[in-house]
PDB file of N, CA and C in Angstrom:
ATOM      1  N   MET A   1     -32.928   7.938-103.187  1.00  0.00           N
ATOM      2  CA  MET A   1     -31.975   7.395-102.259  1.00  0.00           C
ATOM      3  C   MET A   1     -30.939   8.478-101.963  1.00  0.00           C
ATOM      4  N   ALA A   2     -30.670   8.691-100.720  1.00  0.00           N
ATOM      5  CA  ALA A   2     -29.674   9.673-100.297  1.00  0.00           C
ATOM      6  C   ALA A   2     -28.306   9.017-100.236  1.00  0.00           C
ATOM      7  N   ARG A   3     -27.306   9.833-100.489  1.00  0.00           N
ATOM      8  CA  ARG A   3     -25.937   9.326-100.434  1.00  0.00           C
ATOM      9  C   ARG A   3     -25.092  10.347 -99.692  1.00  0.00           C
ATOM     10  N   ARG A   4     -24.235   9.856 -98.864  1.00  0.00           N
ATOM     11  CA  ARG A   4     -23.378  10.739 -98.081  1.00  0.00           C
ATOM     12  C   ARG A   4     -21.956  10.195 -98.134  1.00  0.00           C
ATOM     13  N   GLU A   5     -21.037  11.051 -98.556  1.00  0.00           N
ATOM     14  CA  GLU A   5     -19.637  10.655 -98.602  1.00  0.00           C
ATOM     15  C   GLU A   5     -18.870  11.492 -97.603  1.00  0.00           C
ATOM     16  N   LEU A   6     -18.008  10.843 -96.875  1.00  0.00           N
ATOM     17  CA  LEU A   6     -17.192  11.530 -95.886  1.00  0.00           C
ATOM     18  C   LEU A   6     -15.728  11.394 -96.262  1.00  0.00           C
ATOM     19  N   ILE A   7     -15.002  12.472 -96.090  1.00  0.00           N
ATOM     20  CA  ILE A   7     -13.562  12.445 -96.325  1.00  0.00           C
ATOM     21  C   ILE A   7     -12.876  12.436 -94.976  1.00  0.00           C
ATOM     22  N   GLN A   8     -12.011  11.469 -94.778  1.00  0.00           N
ATOM     23  CA  GLN A   8     -11.265  11.367 -93.528  1.00  0.00           C
ATOM     24  C   GLN A   8      -9.805  11.646 -93.830  1.00  0.00           C
ATOM     25  N   TYR A   9      -9.272  12.716 -93.234  1.00  0.00           N
ATOM     26  CA  TYR A   9      -7.859  13.033 -93.394  1.00  0.00           C
ATOM     27  C   TYR A   9      -7.054  12.315 -92.317  1.00  0.00           C
ATOM     28  N   ILE A  10      -5.891  11.857 -92.713  1.00  0.00           N
ATOM     29  CA  ILE A  10      -4.977  11.157 -91.814  1.00  0.00           C
ATOM     30  C   ILE A  10      -3.678  11.953 -91.781  1.00  0.00           C
ATOM     31  N   ASP A  11      -3.142  12.151 -90.596  1.00  0.00           N
ATOM     32  CA  ASP A  11      -1.867  12.853 -90.454  1.00  0.00           C
ATOM     33  C   ASP A  11      -0.788  12.035 -91.161  1.00  0.00           C
ATOM     34  N   ASP A  12      -0.127  12.659 -92.136  1.00  0.00           N
ATOM     35  CA  ASP A  12       0.891  11.947 -92.910  1.00  0.00           C
ATOM     36  C   ASP A  12       2.126  11.602 -92.090  1.00  0.00           C
ATOM     37  N   LEU A  13       2.328  12.280 -90.976  1.00  0.00           N
ATOM     38  CA  LEU A  13       3.519  12.026 -90.166  1.00  0.00           C
ATOM     39  C   LEU A  13       3.316  10.875 -89.179  1.00  0.00           C
ATOM     40  N   ASP A  14       2.192  10.889 -88.457  1.00  0.00           N
ATOM     41  CA  ASP A  14       2.012   9.863 -87.418  1.00  0.00           C
ATOM     42  C   ASP A  14       0.812   8.943 -87.645  1.00  0.00           C
ATOM     43  N   GLY A  15       0.055   9.151 -88.720  1.00  0.00           N
ATOM     44  CA  GLY A  15      -1.039   8.249 -89.065  1.00  0.00           C
ATOM     45  C   GLY A  15      -2.321   8.414 -88.276  1.00  0.00           C
ATOM     46  N   THR A  16      -2.434   9.442 -87.441  1.00  0.00           N
ATOM     47  CA  THR A  16      -3.659   9.624 -86.661  1.00  0.00           C
ATOM     48  C   THR A  16      -4.738  10.293 -87.508  1.00  0.00           C
ATOM     49  N   PRO A  17      -6.012   9.910 -87.277  1.00  0.00           N
ATOM     50  CA  PRO A  17      -7.113  10.564 -87.985  1.00  0.00           C
ATOM     51  C   PRO A  17      -7.221  12.032 -87.562  1.00  0.00           C
ATOM     52  N   LEU A  18      -7.583  12.892 -88.509  1.00  0.00           N
ATOM     53  CA  LEU A  18      -7.702  14.325 -88.235  1.00  0.00           C
ATOM     54  C   LEU A  18      -9.147  14.756 -88.402  1.00  0.00           C
ATOM     55  N   ASP A  19      -9.627  15.608 -87.504  1.00  0.00           N
ATOM     56  CA  ASP A  19     -10.945  16.198 -87.724  1.00  0.00           C
ATOM     57  C   ASP A  19     -10.742  17.530 -88.449  1.00  0.00           C
ATOM     58  N   SER A  20     -11.813  18.108 -88.931  1.00  0.00           N
ATOM     59  CA  SER A  20     -11.709  19.311 -89.764  1.00  0.00           C
ATOM     60  C   SER A  20     -11.103  20.495 -89.026  1.00  0.00           C
ATOM     61  N   THR A  21     -11.203  20.532 -87.698  1.00  0.00           N
ATOM     62  CA  THR A  21     -10.639  21.657 -86.946  1.00  0.00           C
ATOM     63  C   THR A  21      -9.147  21.494 -86.698  1.00  0.00           C
ATOM     64  N   ASP A  22      -8.621  20.286 -86.890  1.00  0.00           N
ATOM     65  CA  ASP A  22      -7.209  20.024 -86.608  1.00  0.00           C
ATOM     66  C   ASP A  22      -6.403  19.753 -87.878  1.00  0.00           C
ATOM     67  N   HIS A  23      -7.029  19.804 -89.024  1.00  0.00           N
ATOM     68  CA  HIS A  23      -6.382  19.463 -90.289  1.00  0.00           C
ATOM     69  C   HIS A  23      -5.650  20.671 -90.871  1.00  0.00           C
ATOM     70  N   GLN A  24      -4.354  20.515 -91.134  1.00  0.00           N
ATOM     71  CA  GLN A  24      -3.539  21.558 -91.762  1.00  0.00           C
ATOM     72  C   GLN A  24      -2.903  20.978 -93.028  1.00  0.00           C
ATOM     73  N   VAL A  25      -3.054  21.699 -94.141  1.00  0.00           N
ATOM     74  CA  VAL A  25      -2.384  21.300 -95.378  1.00  0.00           C
ATOM     75  C   VAL A  25      -1.095  22.100 -95.461  1.00  0.00           C
ATOM     76  N   VAL A  26       0.022  21.407 -95.520  1.00  0.00           N
ATOM     77  CA  VAL A  26       1.334  22.053 -95.580  1.00  0.00           C
ATOM     78  C   VAL A  26       1.924  21.779 -96.957  1.00  0.00           C
ATOM     79  N   ARG A  27       2.222  22.856 -97.679  1.00  0.00           N
ATOM     80  CA  ARG A  27       2.839  22.745 -99.003  1.00  0.00           C
ATOM     81  C   ARG A  27       4.255  23.294 -98.914  1.00  0.00           C
ATOM     82  N   PHE A  28       5.191  22.586 -99.519  1.00  0.00           N
ATOM     83  CA  PHE A  28       6.562  23.075 -99.538  1.00  0.00           C
ATOM     84  C   PHE A  28       7.286  22.508-100.752  1.00  0.00           C
ATOM     85  N   SER A  29       8.398  23.124-101.079  1.00  0.00           N
ATOM     86  CA  SER A  29       9.229  22.676-102.196  1.00  0.00           C
ATOM     87  C   SER A  29      10.633  22.415-101.690  1.00  0.00           C
ATOM     88  N   PHE A  30      11.258  21.414-102.267  1.00  0.00           N
ATOM     89  CA  PHE A  30      12.634  21.098-101.911  1.00  0.00           C
ATOM     90  C   PHE A  30      13.309  20.478-103.123  1.00  0.00           C
ATOM     91  N   ARG A  31      14.440  21.057-103.513  1.00  0.00           N
ATOM     92  CA  ARG A  31      15.223  20.581-104.651  1.00  0.00           C
ATOM     93  C   ARG A  31      14.381  20.424-105.914  1.00  0.00           C
ATOM     94  N   GLY A  32      13.551  21.425-106.157  1.00  0.00           N
ATOM     95  CA  GLY A  32      12.772  21.460-107.392  1.00  0.00           C
ATOM     96  C   GLY A  32      11.517  20.625-107.412  1.00  0.00           C
ATOM     97  N   LYS A  33      11.181  19.995-106.307  1.00  0.00           N
ATOM     98  CA  LYS A  33       9.961  19.186-106.243  1.00  0.00           C
ATOM     99  C   LYS A  33       9.007  19.795-105.236  1.00  0.00           C
ATOM    100  N   ASN A  34       7.711  19.777-105.567  1.00  0.00           N
ATOM    101  CA  ASN A  34       6.674  20.305-104.684  1.00  0.00           C
ATOM    102  C   ASN A  34       6.052  19.163-103.892  1.00  0.00           C
ATOM    103  N   TYR A  35       5.793  19.430-102.620  1.00  0.00           N
ATOM    104  CA  TYR A  35       5.239  18.418-101.721  1.00  0.00           C
ATOM    105  C   TYR A  35       4.014  18.967-100.994  1.00  0.00           C
ATOM    106  N   ILE A  36       3.129  18.059-100.591  1.00  0.00           N
ATOM    107  CA  ILE A  36       1.949  18.406 -99.795  1.00  0.00           C
ATOM    108  C   ILE A  36       1.851  17.406 -98.650  1.00  0.00           C
ATOM    109  N   LEU A  37       1.626  17.921 -97.459  1.00  0.00           N
ATOM    110  CA  LEU A  37       1.419  17.076 -96.279  1.00  0.00           C
ATOM    111  C   LEU A  37       0.093  17.439 -95.627  1.00  0.00           C
ATOM    112  N   ASP A  38      -0.649  16.441 -95.189  1.00  0.00           N
ATOM    113  CA  ASP A  38      -1.805  16.643 -94.318  1.00  0.00           C
ATOM    114  C   ASP A  38      -1.311  16.387 -92.905  1.00  0.00           C
ATOM    115  N   LEU A  39      -1.363  17.426 -92.066  1.00  0.00           N
ATOM    116  CA  LEU A  39      -0.823  17.312 -90.712  1.00  0.00           C
ATOM    117  C   LEU A  39      -1.810  17.847 -89.686  1.00  0.00           C
ATOM    118  N   SER A  40      -1.632  17.390 -88.444  1.00  0.00           N
ATOM    119  CA  SER A  40      -2.368  17.989 -87.328  1.00  0.00           C
ATOM    120  C   SER A  40      -1.762  19.362 -87.070  1.00  0.00           C
ATOM    121  N   GLN A  41      -2.480  20.185 -86.336  1.00  0.00           N
ATOM    122  CA  GLN A  41      -1.962  21.508 -85.980  1.00  0.00           C
ATOM    123  C   GLN A  41      -0.621  21.372 -85.259  1.00  0.00           C
ATOM    124  N   GLU A  42      -0.538  20.415 -84.361  1.00  0.00           N
ATOM    125  CA  GLU A  42       0.691  20.201 -83.589  1.00  0.00           C
ATOM    126  C   GLU A  42       1.864  19.826 -84.499  1.00  0.00           C
ATOM    127  N   ASN A  43       1.648  18.890 -85.420  1.00  0.00           N
ATOM    128  CA  ASN A  43       2.735  18.471 -86.307  1.00  0.00           C
ATOM    129  C   ASN A  43       3.089  19.552 -87.328  1.00  0.00           C
ATOM    130  N   ALA A  44       2.108  20.352 -87.729  1.00  0.00           N
ATOM    131  CA  ALA A  44       2.394  21.472 -88.630  1.00  0.00           C
ATOM    132  C   ALA A  44       3.286  22.493 -87.930  1.00  0.00           C
ATOM    133  N   GLU A  45       3.014  22.751 -86.661  1.00  0.00           N
ATOM    134  CA  GLU A  45       3.851  23.677 -85.889  1.00  0.00           C
ATOM    135  C   GLU A  45       5.263  23.120 -85.719  1.00  0.00           C
ATOM    136  N   LYS A  46       5.389  21.812 -85.473  1.00  0.00           N
ATOM    137  CA  LYS A  46       6.713  21.188 -85.359  1.00  0.00           C
ATOM    138  C   LYS A  46       7.489  21.330 -86.677  1.00  0.00           C
ATOM    139  N   PHE A  47       6.785  21.118 -87.786  1.00  0.00           N
ATOM    140  CA  PHE A  47       7.405  21.245 -89.104  1.00  0.00           C
ATOM    141  C   PHE A  47       7.946  22.664 -89.301  1.00  0.00           C
ATOM    142  N   GLU A  48       7.127  23.661 -88.955  1.00  0.00           N
ATOM    143  CA  GLU A  48       7.550  25.057 -89.081  1.00  0.00           C
ATOM    144  C   GLU A  48       8.750  25.363 -88.184  1.00  0.00           C
ATOM    145  N   GLN A  49       8.742  24.821 -86.972  1.00  0.00           N
ATOM    146  CA  GLN A  49       9.856  25.061 -86.044  1.00  0.00           C
ATOM    147  C   GLN A  49      11.164  24.472 -86.576  1.00  0.00           C
ATOM    148  N   VAL A  50      11.080  23.306 -87.196  1.00  0.00           N
ATOM    149  CA  VAL A  50      12.282  22.683 -87.756  1.00  0.00           C
ATOM    150  C   VAL A  50      12.840  23.532 -88.902  1.00  0.00           C
ATOM    151  N   LEU A  51      11.951  24.072 -89.732  1.00  0.00           N
ATOM    152  CA  LEU A  51      12.395  24.857 -90.888  1.00  0.00           C
ATOM    153  C   LEU A  51      12.786  26.293 -90.540  1.00  0.00           C
ATOM    154  N   GLU A  52      12.311  26.780 -89.409  1.00  0.00           N
ATOM    155  CA  GLU A  52      12.486  28.190 -89.047  1.00  0.00           C
ATOM    156  C   GLU A  52      13.921  28.706 -89.189  1.00  0.00           C
ATOM    157  N   PRO A  53      14.948  28.040 -88.647  1.00  0.00           N
ATOM    158  CA  PRO A  53      16.309  28.584 -88.787  1.00  0.00           C
ATOM    159  C   PRO A  53      16.801  28.598 -90.238  1.00  0.00           C
ATOM    160  N   TYR A  54      16.347  27.654 -91.040  1.00  0.00           N
ATOM    161  CA  TYR A  54      16.752  27.615 -92.445  1.00  0.00           C
ATOM    162  C   TYR A  54      16.080  28.746 -93.225  1.00  0.00           C
ATOM    163  N   ILE A  55      14.792  28.947 -92.978  1.00  0.00           N
ATOM    164  CA  ILE A  55      14.050  30.013 -93.653  1.00  0.00           C
ATOM    165  C   ILE A  55      14.601  31.379 -93.260  1.00  0.00           C
ATOM    166  N   ALA A  56      14.966  31.531 -91.989  1.00  0.00           N
ATOM    167  CA  ALA A  56      15.491  32.809 -91.510  1.00  0.00           C
ATOM    168  C   ALA A  56      16.780  33.198 -92.229  1.00  0.00           C
ATOM    169  N   ASN A  57      17.543  32.230 -92.681  1.00  0.00           N
ATOM    170  CA  ASN A  57      18.820  32.506 -93.344  1.00  0.00           C
ATOM    171  C   ASN A  57      18.771  32.341 -94.860  1.00  0.00           C
ATOM    172  N   ALA A  58      17.624  31.996 -95.385  1.00  0.00           N
ATOM    173  CA  ALA A  58      17.493  31.793 -96.832  1.00  0.00           C
ATOM    174  C   ALA A  58      16.954  33.059 -97.492  1.00  0.00           C
ATOM    175  N   SER A  59      17.120  33.128 -98.784  1.00  0.00           N
ATOM    176  CA  SER A  59      16.504  34.211 -99.552  1.00  0.00           C
ATOM    177  C   SER A  59      15.457  33.599-100.472  1.00  0.00           C
ATOM    178  N   ILE A  60      14.478  34.396-100.839  1.00  0.00           N
ATOM    179  CA  ILE A  60      13.390  33.911-101.687  1.00  0.00           C
ATOM    180  C   ILE A  60      13.875  33.861-103.131  1.00  0.00           C
ATOM    181  N   ASP A  61      13.604  32.764-103.790  1.00  0.00           N
ATOM    182  CA  ASP A  61      13.972  32.591-105.196  1.00  0.00           C
ATOM    183  C   ASP A  61      12.809  33.047-106.060  1.00  0.00           C
ATOM    184  N   HIS A  62      12.922  34.240-106.600  1.00  0.00           N
ATOM    185  CA  HIS A  62      11.844  34.791-107.432  1.00  0.00           C
ATOM    186  C   HIS A  62      11.859  34.232-108.848  1.00  0.00           C
ATOM    187  N   SER A  63      12.903  33.514-109.210  1.00  0.00           N
ATOM    188  CA  SER A  63      12.980  32.997-110.579  1.00  0.00           C
ATOM    189  C   SER A  63      12.002  31.859-110.829  1.00  0.00           C
ATOM    190  N   THR A  64      11.426  31.302-109.787  1.00  0.00           N
ATOM    191  CA  THR A  64      10.498  30.192-109.969  1.00  0.00           C
ATOM    192  C   THR A  64       9.112  30.652-110.383  1.00  0.00           C
ATOM    193  N   VAL A  65       8.869  31.960-110.346  1.00  0.00           N
ATOM    194  CA  VAL A  65       7.572  32.478-110.763  1.00  0.00           C
ATOM    195  C   VAL A  65       7.498  32.401-112.278  1.00  0.00           C
ATOM    196  N   VAL A  66       6.494  31.728-112.781  1.00  0.00           N
ATOM    197  CA  VAL A  66       6.341  31.551-114.218  1.00  0.00           C
ATOM    198  C   VAL A  66       5.443  32.650-114.754  1.00  0.00           C
ATOM    199  N   ALA A  67       5.929  33.354-115.749  1.00  0.00           N
ATOM    200  CA  ALA A  67       5.134  34.417-116.369  1.00  0.00           C
ATOM    201  C   ALA A  67       3.997  33.790-117.161  1.00  0.00           C
ATOM    202  N   PRO A  68       2.836  34.425-117.130  1.00  0.00           N
ATOM    203  CA  PRO A  68       1.722  33.875-117.904  1.00  0.00           C
ATOM    204  C   PRO A  68       2.037  33.909-119.395  1.00  0.00           C
ATOM    205  N   ARG A  69       1.589  32.878-120.091  1.00  0.00           N
ATOM    206  CA  ARG A  69       1.833  32.827-121.527  1.00  0.00           C
ATOM    207  C   ARG A  69       0.908  33.793-122.245  1.00  0.00           C
ATOM    208  N   LYS A  70       1.440  34.388-123.280  1.00  0.00           N
ATOM    209  CA  LYS A  70       0.618  35.275-124.092  1.00  0.00           C
ATOM    210  C   LYS A  70      -0.292  34.420-124.946  1.00  0.00           C
ATOM    211  N   ARG A  71      -1.514  34.866-125.080  1.00  0.00           N
ATOM    212  CA  ARG A  71      -2.452  34.140-125.914  1.00  0.00           C
ATOM    213  C   ARG A  71      -2.210  34.532-127.363  1.00  0.00           C
ATOM    214  N   SER A  72      -2.106  33.550-128.181  1.00  0.00           N
ATOM    215  CA  SER A  72      -1.964  33.811-129.602  1.00  0.00           C
ATOM    216  C   SER A  72      -2.822  32.812-130.350  1.00  0.00           C
ATOM    217  N   SER A  73      -3.165  33.173-131.518  1.00  0.00           N
ATOM    218  CA  SER A  73      -3.989  32.293-132.321  1.00  0.00           C
ATOM    219  C   SER A  73      -3.168  31.087-132.751  1.00  0.00           C
ATOM    220  N   ALA A  74      -3.697  29.915-132.551  1.00  0.00           N
ATOM    221  CA  ALA A  74      -2.990  28.707-132.953  1.00  0.00           C
ATOM    222  C   ALA A  74      -2.960  28.582-134.472  1.00  0.00           C
ATOM    223  N   ASN A  75      -3.921  29.192-135.128  1.00  0.00           N
ATOM    224  CA  ASN A  75      -4.034  29.109-136.571  1.00  0.00           C
ATOM    225  C   ASN A  75      -3.675  30.459-137.183  1.00  0.00           C
ATOM    226  N   PRO A  76      -2.600  30.535-137.977  1.00  0.00           N
ATOM    227  CA  PRO A  76      -2.228  31.821-138.565  1.00  0.00           C
ATOM    228  C   PRO A  76      -3.262  32.340-139.552  1.00  0.00           C
ATOM    229  N   ASN A  77      -4.154  31.471-140.023  1.00  0.00           N
ATOM    230  CA  ASN A  77      -5.188  31.883-140.968  1.00  0.00           C
ATOM    231  C   ASN A  77      -6.506  32.213-140.280  1.00  0.00           C
ATOM    232  N   ALA A  78      -6.485  32.332-138.961  1.00  0.00           N
ATOM    233  CA  ALA A  78      -7.721  32.567-138.211  1.00  0.00           C
ATOM    234  C   ALA A  78      -8.385  33.871-138.624  1.00  0.00           C
ATOM    235  N   ALA A  79      -7.600  34.919-138.861  1.00  0.00           N
ATOM    236  CA  ALA A  79      -8.175  36.207-139.258  1.00  0.00           C
ATOM    237  C   ALA A  79      -8.883  36.074-140.603  1.00  0.00           C
ATOM    238  N   GLU A  80      -8.281  35.324-141.524  1.00  0.00           N
ATOM    239  CA  GLU A  80      -8.912  35.111-142.829  1.00  0.00           C
ATOM    240  C   GLU A  80     -10.216  34.327-142.682  1.00  0.00           C
ATOM    241  N   ALA A  81     -10.210  33.317-141.823  1.00  0.00           N
ATOM    242  CA  ALA A  81     -11.413  32.507-141.609  1.00  0.00           C
ATOM    243  C   ALA A  81     -12.525  33.346-140.991  1.00  0.00           C
ATOM    244  N   ARG A  82     -12.168  34.209-140.027  1.00  0.00           N
ATOM    245  CA  ARG A  82     -13.185  35.083-139.417  1.00  0.00           C
ATOM    246  C   ARG A  82     -13.781  36.020-140.456  1.00  0.00           C
ATOM    247  N   ASP A  83     -12.923  36.581-141.312  1.00  0.00           N
ATOM    248  CA  ASP A  83     -13.395  37.503-142.347  1.00  0.00           C
ATOM    249  C   ASP A  83     -14.310  36.770-143.331  1.00  0.00           C
ATOM    250  N   ARG A  84     -13.925  35.561-143.707  1.00  0.00           N
ATOM    251  CA  ARG A  84     -14.750  34.766-144.622  1.00  0.00           C
ATOM    252  C   ARG A  84     -16.100  34.443-143.990  1.00  0.00           C
ATOM    253  N   ASN A  85     -16.099  34.040-142.730  1.00  0.00           N
ATOM    254  CA  ASN A  85     -17.357  33.725-142.046  1.00  0.00           C
ATOM    255  C   ASN A  85     -18.243  34.954-141.920  1.00  0.00           C
ATOM    256  N   ARG A  86     -17.622  36.123-141.681  1.00  0.00           N
ATOM    257  CA  ARG A  86     -18.393  37.369-141.602  1.00  0.00           C
ATOM    258  C   ARG A  86     -19.082  37.642-142.939  1.00  0.00           C
ATOM    259  N   LYS A  87     -18.355  37.431-144.040  1.00  0.00           N
ATOM    260  CA  LYS A  87     -18.930  37.653-145.373  1.00  0.00           C
ATOM    261  C   LYS A  87     -20.058  36.667-145.649  1.00  0.00           C
ATOM    262  N   ILE A  88     -19.877  35.409-145.259  1.00  0.00           N
ATOM    263  CA  ILE A  88     -20.922  34.397-145.467  1.00  0.00           C
ATOM    264  C   ILE A  88     -22.168  34.762-144.674  1.00  0.00           C
ATOM    265  N   ARG A  89     -22.001  35.194-143.415  1.00  0.00           N
ATOM    266  CA  ARG A  89     -23.156  35.588-142.595  1.00  0.00           C
ATOM    267  C   ARG A  89     -23.900  36.762-143.236  1.00  0.00           C
ATOM    268  N   GLN A  90     -23.132  37.747-143.688  1.00  0.00           N
ATOM    269  CA  GLN A  90     -23.748  38.918-144.314  1.00  0.00           C
ATOM    270  C   GLN A  90     -24.514  38.506-145.574  1.00  0.00           C
ATOM    271  N   TRP A  91     -23.899  37.679-146.408  1.00  0.00           N
ATOM    272  CA  TRP A  91     -24.545  37.206-147.630  1.00  0.00           C
ATOM    273  C   TRP A  91     -25.819  36.426-147.299  1.00  0.00           C
ATOM    274  N   ALA A  92     -25.736  35.545-146.291  1.00  0.00           N
ATOM    275  CA  ALA A  92     -26.891  34.724-145.912  1.00  0.00           C
ATOM    276  C   ALA A  92     -28.048  35.598-145.451  1.00  0.00           C
ATOM    277  N   ARG A  93     -27.769  36.610-144.654  1.00  0.00           N
ATOM    278  CA  ARG A  93     -28.837  37.507-144.180  1.00  0.00           C
ATOM    279  C   ARG A  93     -29.449  38.287-145.337  1.00  0.00           C
ATOM    280  N   GLU A  94     -28.595  38.753-146.251  1.00  0.00           N
ATOM    281  CA  GLU A  94     -29.092  39.504-147.413  1.00  0.00           C
ATOM    282  C   GLU A  94     -29.959  38.636-148.311  1.00  0.00           C
ATOM    283  N   ASN A  95     -29.782  37.324-148.221  1.00  0.00           N
ATOM    284  CA  ASN A  95     -30.557  36.390-149.026  1.00  0.00           C
ATOM    285  C   ASN A  95     -31.655  35.702-148.223  1.00  0.00           C
ATOM    286  N   GLY A  96     -32.029  36.320-147.091  1.00  0.00           N
ATOM    287  CA  GLY A  96     -33.172  35.859-146.311  1.00  0.00           C
ATOM    288  C   GLY A  96     -32.950  34.619-145.469  1.00  0.00           C
ATOM    289  N   MET A  97     -31.720  34.271-145.224  1.00  0.00           N
ATOM    290  CA  MET A  97     -31.440  33.089-144.399  1.00  0.00           C
ATOM    291  C   MET A  97     -31.211  33.515-142.959  1.00  0.00           C
ATOM    292  N   ASP A  98     -31.651  32.675-142.051  1.00  0.00           N
ATOM    293  CA  ASP A  98     -31.481  32.938-140.621  1.00  0.00           C
ATOM    294  C   ASP A  98     -30.160  32.317-140.179  1.00  0.00           C
ATOM    295  N   VAL A  99     -29.249  33.168-139.682  1.00  0.00           N
ATOM    296  CA  VAL A  99     -27.933  32.680-139.275  1.00  0.00           C
ATOM    297  C   VAL A  99     -27.529  33.375-137.977  1.00  0.00           C
ATOM    298  N   ALA A 100     -26.909  32.623-137.075  1.00  0.00           N
ATOM    299  CA  ALA A 100     -26.491  33.164-135.777  1.00  0.00           C
ATOM    300  C   ALA A 100     -25.301  34.104-135.949  1.00  0.00           C
ATOM    301  N   ASP A 101     -25.147  35.015-134.983  1.00  0.00           N
ATOM    302  CA  ASP A 101     -24.027  35.958-135.015  1.00  0.00           C
ATOM    303  C   ASP A 101     -22.690  35.275-134.737  1.00  0.00           C
ATOM    304  N   ARG A 102     -22.726  34.182-133.988  1.00  0.00           N
ATOM    305  CA  ARG A 102     -21.494  33.489-133.601  1.00  0.00           C
ATOM    306  C   ARG A 102     -21.670  31.996-133.763  1.00  0.00           C
ATOM    307  N   GLY A 103     -20.562  31.298-133.691  1.00  0.00           N
ATOM    308  CA  GLY A 103     -20.607  29.840-133.754  1.00  0.00           C
ATOM    309  C   GLY A 103     -20.363  29.319-135.158  1.00  0.00           C
ATOM    310  N   ALA A 104     -20.414  28.012-135.278  1.00  0.00           N
ATOM    311  CA  ALA A 104     -20.165  27.367-136.567  1.00  0.00           C
ATOM    312  C   ALA A 104     -21.301  27.660-137.531  1.00  0.00           C
ATOM    313  N   LEU A 105     -20.931  27.883-138.771  1.00  0.00           N
ATOM    314  CA  LEU A 105     -21.940  28.109-139.808  1.00  0.00           C
ATOM    315  C   LEU A 105     -22.467  26.764-140.295  1.00  0.00           C
ATOM    316  N   PRO A 106     -23.770  26.675-140.526  1.00  0.00           N
ATOM    317  CA  PRO A 106     -24.315  25.425-141.058  1.00  0.00           C
ATOM    318  C   PRO A 106     -23.711  25.113-142.432  1.00  0.00           C
ATOM    319  N   LYS A 107     -23.472  23.858-142.672  1.00  0.00           N
ATOM    320  CA  LYS A 107     -22.828  23.418-143.914  1.00  0.00           C
ATOM    321  C   LYS A 107     -23.634  23.830-145.142  1.00  0.00           C
ATOM    322  N   HIS A 108     -24.968  23.730-145.055  1.00  0.00           N
ATOM    323  CA  HIS A 108     -25.783  24.059-146.231  1.00  0.00           C
ATOM    324  C   HIS A 108     -25.684  25.541-146.596  1.00  0.00           C
ATOM    325  N   ILE A 109     -25.480  26.415-145.619  1.00  0.00           N
ATOM    326  CA  ILE A 109     -25.320  27.847-145.913  1.00  0.00           C
ATOM    327  C   ILE A 109     -23.967  28.087-146.583  1.00  0.00           C
ATOM    328  N   ILE A 110     -22.924  27.437-146.097  1.00  0.00           N
ATOM    329  CA  ILE A 110     -21.598  27.579-146.715  1.00  0.00           C
ATOM    330  C   ILE A 110     -21.643  27.086-148.160  1.00  0.00           C
ATOM    331  N   GLU A 111     -22.300  25.946-148.383  1.00  0.00           N
ATOM    332  CA  GLU A 111     -22.398  25.398-149.741  1.00  0.00           C
ATOM    333  C   GLU A 111     -23.152  26.340-150.664  1.00  0.00           C
ATOM    334  N   LYS A 112     -24.252  26.930-150.189  1.00  0.00           N
ATOM    335  CA  LYS A 112     -25.012  27.885-151.009  1.00  0.00           C
ATOM    336  C   LYS A 112     -24.172  29.116-151.317  1.00  0.00           C
ATOM    337  N   TYR A 113     -23.418  29.602-150.328  1.00  0.00           N
ATOM    338  CA  TYR A 113     -22.556  30.770-150.532  1.00  0.00           C
ATOM    339  C   TYR A 113     -21.491  30.460-151.583  1.00  0.00           C
ATOM    340  N   GLU A 114     -20.861  29.295-151.455  1.00  0.00           N
ATOM    341  CA  GLU A 114     -19.794  28.935-152.392  1.00  0.00           C
ATOM    342  C   GLU A 114     -20.316  28.741-153.810  1.00  0.00           C
ATOM    343  N   SER A 115     -21.508  28.188-153.942  1.00  0.00           N
ATOM    344  CA  SER A 115     -22.053  28.002-155.292  1.00  0.00           C
ATOM    345  C   SER A 115     -22.501  29.329-155.903  1.00  0.00           C
ATOM    346  N   ALA A 116     -22.863  30.297-155.064  1.00  0.00           N
ATOM    347  CA  ALA A 116     -23.295  31.606-155.567  1.00  0.00           C
ATOM    348  C   ALA A 116     -22.116  32.526-155.862  1.00  0.00           C
ATOM    349  N   ASN A 117     -20.983  32.271-155.274  1.00  0.00           N
ATOM    350  CA  ASN A 117     -19.823  33.168-155.447  1.00  0.00           C
ATOM    351  C   ASN A 117     -18.712  32.477-156.167  1.00  0.00           C
TER     352      ASN A 117
END
């Protein structure tokens, strides 16, 4: 069975249906809130014309740019866990067990390692 879904955009200002060639997404911020409008080309141009004198006299606020967060390990013992897993993998291979280079170690291999060491 075939299925077809259609998305119909409606001009948020005057409520008229928009076709894909006339649909404009307008994003703007005001007083710390972000807004999105679906507008016709004509209404998008009107919106720009209304804002034009304000934008011409405003300055860009660069402080709103958020710096990317540095990635850090959530677990301070992660380095120790990696080292332990590396040792378990090495021990398992030396003892003829098949173990992947990455991913979770099977419980039975960890148990054998712990009982041997």
